[in-house]
Amino acid sequence: MASDPTAGGAPADMPADTDPDLNIPPKPESAAELQQLVEQLQAEKADLQDKQLRALAEAQNVRRRAQQDIEKERKFGIERFARDVLSVADNLGRALSALPADLDVVDPALRNVIVGVQATERELQSVLERHGVTRVESLGQPFNAEFHQAMMEVEDSTVPTGTVVQELIPGYLLAGRLLRAAMVAVSKGGPAVRAPSNEN
């Protein structure tokens, strides 16, 4: 006995259950409805293409910002550590400046200690420079508020007013950005000096 496809009461041409989330429009019955459907689908396509382009641009911006953050962290990530190390460099500099200029008058055993401290100070400066920490040149330069902090004025008519005549604490840059301003003494009483340019 052959099976009847219409058995069970269901018509033979009934479509299978469709997913209600697909939002399939009804079949157009006229050319005008078909044209309207085509225009609607083209508008949806243009909208989706626009959203895709915006999403791709946003993803590219996120990648670019992440790369910039990585580069910034690579350059300036040691900033806090470098500031702490500068106090060690300052103390070594103070120790060396307190020593007599003529090492021949010093006991030979003490002379070896002094030479060792000098070598340590040179090595520390070399390590700082290798990691992008460079010293701000101050002595004899016109005062520049971007790099110098004036601690006092010194009466000196032999140099132009506003010239750095003494460096109390050296200043440092980290990858070209100010890490610590130099604390300096500035001259007054001499001839006027031109305003410093911002080119460094």
Protein backbone atom coordinates (compact mmCIF):
# COMPACT_ATOMS: atom_id res chain seq x y z
CA MET A 1 0.00 0.00 0.00
CA ALA A 2 1.55 3.32 -1.08
CA SER A 3 1.79 6.12 1.47
CA ASP A 4 -0.35 9.15 0.83
CA PRO A 5 1.67 12.40 1.03
CA THR A 6 -1.41 14.27 2.12
CA ALA A 7 -2.11 11.85 4.93
CA GLY A 8 -2.43 13.42 8.31
CA GLY A 9 -4.32 16.42 7.03
CA ALA A 10 -1.29 18.55 5.97
CA PRO A 11 -1.37 19.90 2.40
CA ALA A 12 1.50 18.71 0.18
CA ASP A 13 2.73 22.20 -0.84
CA MET A 14 2.95 23.63 2.71
CA PRO A 15 6.46 25.09 3.32
CA ALA A 16 8.62 23.79 6.13
CA ASP A 17 8.68 25.83 9.34
CA THR A 18 10.81 28.96 8.84
CA ASP A 19 12.88 30.68 11.48
CA PRO A 20 10.94 33.73 12.71
CA ASP A 21 14.25 35.64 13.27
CA LEU A 22 15.05 35.69 9.53
CA ASN A 23 12.47 38.44 8.84
CA ILE A 24 11.88 37.31 5.27
CA PRO A 25 9.57 39.76 3.48
CA PRO A 26 6.46 38.39 1.80
CA LYS A 27 6.68 37.53 -1.89
CA PRO A 28 5.91 40.65 -3.95
CA GLU A 29 2.87 40.39 -6.18
CA SER A 30 3.50 43.31 -8.54
CA ALA A 31 6.42 45.02 -10.27
CA ALA A 32 5.99 48.10 -8.04
CA GLU A 33 6.22 45.95 -4.90
CA LEU A 34 9.25 44.19 -6.36
CA GLN A 35 10.92 47.55 -7.11
CA GLN A 36 10.14 48.76 -3.57
CA LEU A 37 11.62 45.53 -2.14
CA VAL A 38 14.77 45.96 -4.25
CA GLU A 39 15.20 49.57 -3.05
CA GLN A 40 14.66 48.51 0.57
CA LEU A 41 17.26 45.74 0.27
CA GLN A 42 19.75 48.12 -1.42
CA ALA A 43 19.27 50.62 1.42
CA GLU A 44 19.85 47.87 3.99
CA LYS A 45 22.95 46.75 2.06
CA ALA A 46 24.32 50.34 2.02
CA ASP A 47 23.61 50.68 5.75
CA LEU A 48 25.40 47.40 6.51
CA GLN A 49 28.38 48.40 4.35
CA ASP A 50 28.58 51.73 6.19
CA LYS A 51 28.48 49.94 9.57
CA GLN A 52 31.18 47.52 8.39
CA LEU A 53 33.45 50.38 7.26
CA ARG A 54 32.92 52.18 10.58
CA ALA A 55 33.71 49.00 12.52
CA LEU A 56 36.89 48.44 10.48
CA ALA A 57 37.96 52.06 11.01
CA GLU A 58 37.30 51.78 14.75
CA ALA A 59 39.31 48.54 14.93
CA GLN A 60 42.18 50.24 13.09
CA ASN A 61 42.02 53.21 15.49
CA VAL A 62 42.08 50.87 18.48
CA ARG A 63 45.15 49.08 17.06
CA ARG A 64 46.88 52.40 16.38
CA ARG A 65 46.12 53.71 19.89
CA ALA A 66 47.34 50.46 21.42
CA GLN A 67 50.57 50.72 19.41
CA GLN A 68 51.03 54.32 20.56
CA ASP A 69 50.42 53.28 24.18
CA ILE A 70 52.99 50.49 23.84
CA GLU A 71 55.53 52.91 22.34
CA LYS A 72 54.85 55.48 25.06
CA GLU A 73 55.20 52.84 27.77
CA ARG A 74 58.45 51.61 26.20
CA LYS A 75 59.87 55.16 26.17
CA PHE A 76 58.53 56.52 29.46
CA GLY A 77 57.78 53.41 31.53
CA ILE A 78 60.98 53.84 33.52
CA GLU A 79 60.17 57.44 34.48
CA ARG A 80 59.50 56.78 38.18
CA PHE A 81 62.51 54.47 38.46
CA ALA A 82 64.71 57.03 36.66
CA ARG A 83 63.63 59.76 39.10
CA ASP A 84 64.67 57.55 42.01
CA VAL A 85 68.04 56.76 40.43
CA LEU A 86 68.71 60.49 39.95
CA SER A 87 68.98 60.90 43.73
CA VAL A 88 71.80 58.32 43.68
CA ALA A 89 73.53 60.25 40.88
CA ASP A 90 73.09 63.48 42.88
CA ASN A 91 74.65 61.95 45.99
CA LEU A 92 77.61 60.59 44.00
CA GLY A 93 78.09 64.04 42.45
CA ARG A 94 77.98 65.73 45.87
CA ALA A 95 80.50 63.24 47.26
CA LEU A 96 82.88 63.89 44.36
CA SER A 97 82.51 67.68 44.57
CA ALA A 98 83.46 67.58 48.28
CA LEU A 99 86.79 65.89 47.51
CA PRO A 100 90.04 67.83 47.05
CA ALA A 101 90.85 68.69 43.43
CA ASP A 102 94.46 67.52 43.79
CA LEU A 103 94.52 63.77 44.44
CA ASP A 104 98.31 63.80 44.98
CA VAL A 105 97.82 65.21 48.49
CA VAL A 106 95.47 62.38 49.44
CA ASP A 107 96.50 59.14 51.10
CA PRO A 108 97.09 56.44 48.41
CA ALA A 109 94.46 54.12 49.92
CA LEU A 110 91.89 56.93 49.91
CA ARG A 111 92.93 57.87 46.38
CA ASN A 112 91.89 54.40 45.18
CA VAL A 113 88.48 54.84 46.82
CA ILE A 114 88.08 58.23 45.12
CA VAL A 115 89.02 56.79 41.72
CA GLY A 116 86.50 53.99 42.28
CA VAL A 117 83.71 56.46 43.14
CA GLN A 118 84.56 58.50 40.02
CA ALA A 119 84.37 55.37 37.89
CA THR A 120 81.04 54.46 39.48
CA GLU A 121 79.66 57.92 38.75
CA ARG A 122 80.77 57.70 35.08
CA GLU A 123 79.21 54.24 34.74
CA LEU A 124 75.94 55.45 36.28
CA GLN A 125 75.78 58.36 33.80
CA SER A 126 76.50 55.94 30.96
CA VAL A 127 73.69 53.60 32.08
CA LEU A 128 71.25 56.52 32.34
CA GLU A 129 72.14 57.67 28.82
CA ARG A 130 71.72 54.15 27.43
CA HIS A 131 68.14 54.22 28.73
CA GLY A 132 67.33 57.66 27.29
CA VAL A 133 68.06 59.76 30.39
CA THR A 134 70.26 62.71 29.39
CA ARG A 135 71.51 65.69 31.33
CA VAL A 136 70.23 69.21 30.63
CA GLU A 137 73.09 71.54 29.70
CA SER A 138 72.65 74.58 31.94
CA LEU A 139 75.89 76.42 32.77
CA GLY A 140 76.40 79.46 30.59
CA GLN A 141 73.01 79.02 28.91
CA PRO A 142 70.22 81.61 28.98
CA PHE A 143 67.62 80.79 31.63
CA ASN A 144 64.80 78.74 30.10
CA ALA A 145 61.76 78.06 32.31
CA GLU A 146 61.07 74.84 30.39
CA PHE A 147 64.29 73.27 31.64
CA HIS A 148 65.50 75.40 34.57
CA GLN A 149 64.17 76.31 37.98
CA ALA A 150 65.77 79.50 39.35
CA MET A 151 66.70 79.10 43.00
CA MET A 152 68.55 82.41 43.42
CA GLU A 153 69.96 85.39 41.58
CA VAL A 154 73.66 86.25 41.61
CA GLU A 155 74.93 89.78 41.00
CA ASP A 156 77.38 89.52 38.09
CA SER A 157 77.93 92.32 35.59
CA THR A 158 80.33 90.26 33.46
CA VAL A 159 77.63 88.03 31.97
CA PRO A 160 74.27 88.91 30.43
CA THR A 161 71.34 89.10 32.81
CA GLY A 162 69.39 85.84 32.91
CA THR A 163 72.38 83.57 32.27
CA VAL A 164 72.75 80.39 34.32
CA VAL A 165 75.95 80.89 36.33
CA GLN A 166 75.66 78.00 38.77
CA GLU A 167 73.97 74.59 38.66
CA LEU A 168 72.84 73.54 42.12
CA ILE A 169 71.13 70.32 41.04
CA PRO A 170 71.40 69.06 37.45
CA GLY A 171 68.31 68.61 35.30
CA TYR A 172 67.54 65.56 33.17
CA LEU A 173 65.45 64.64 30.13
CA LEU A 174 63.88 61.24 29.47
CA ALA A 175 63.59 60.53 25.73
CA GLY A 176 63.55 64.28 25.11
CA ARG A 177 60.87 65.00 27.72
CA LEU A 178 61.72 66.85 30.93
CA LEU A 179 62.27 64.42 33.77
CA ARG A 180 63.57 66.94 36.30
CA ALA A 181 64.28 70.65 35.92
CA ALA A 182 67.78 71.88 36.73
CA MET A 183 67.92 74.01 39.87
CA VAL A 184 70.12 76.94 39.00
CA ALA A 185 71.45 80.34 40.02
CA VAL A 186 70.81 83.07 37.46
CA SER A 187 72.86 86.21 36.90
CA LYS A 188 71.56 89.76 37.23
CA GLY A 189 73.13 93.17 36.72
CA GLY A 190 74.77 92.44 33.37
CA PRO A 191 73.65 93.46 29.87
CA ALA A 192 70.21 92.31 28.73
CA VAL A 193 70.06 88.91 27.00
CA ARG A 194 67.85 87.92 24.08
CA ALA A 195 64.85 85.75 24.88
CA PRO A 196 65.78 82.05 24.53
CA SER A 197 64.32 80.19 21.57
CA ASN A 198 62.31 77.04 22.18
CA GLU A 199 64.38 75.01 19.74
CA ASN A 200 66.12 72.13 21.51
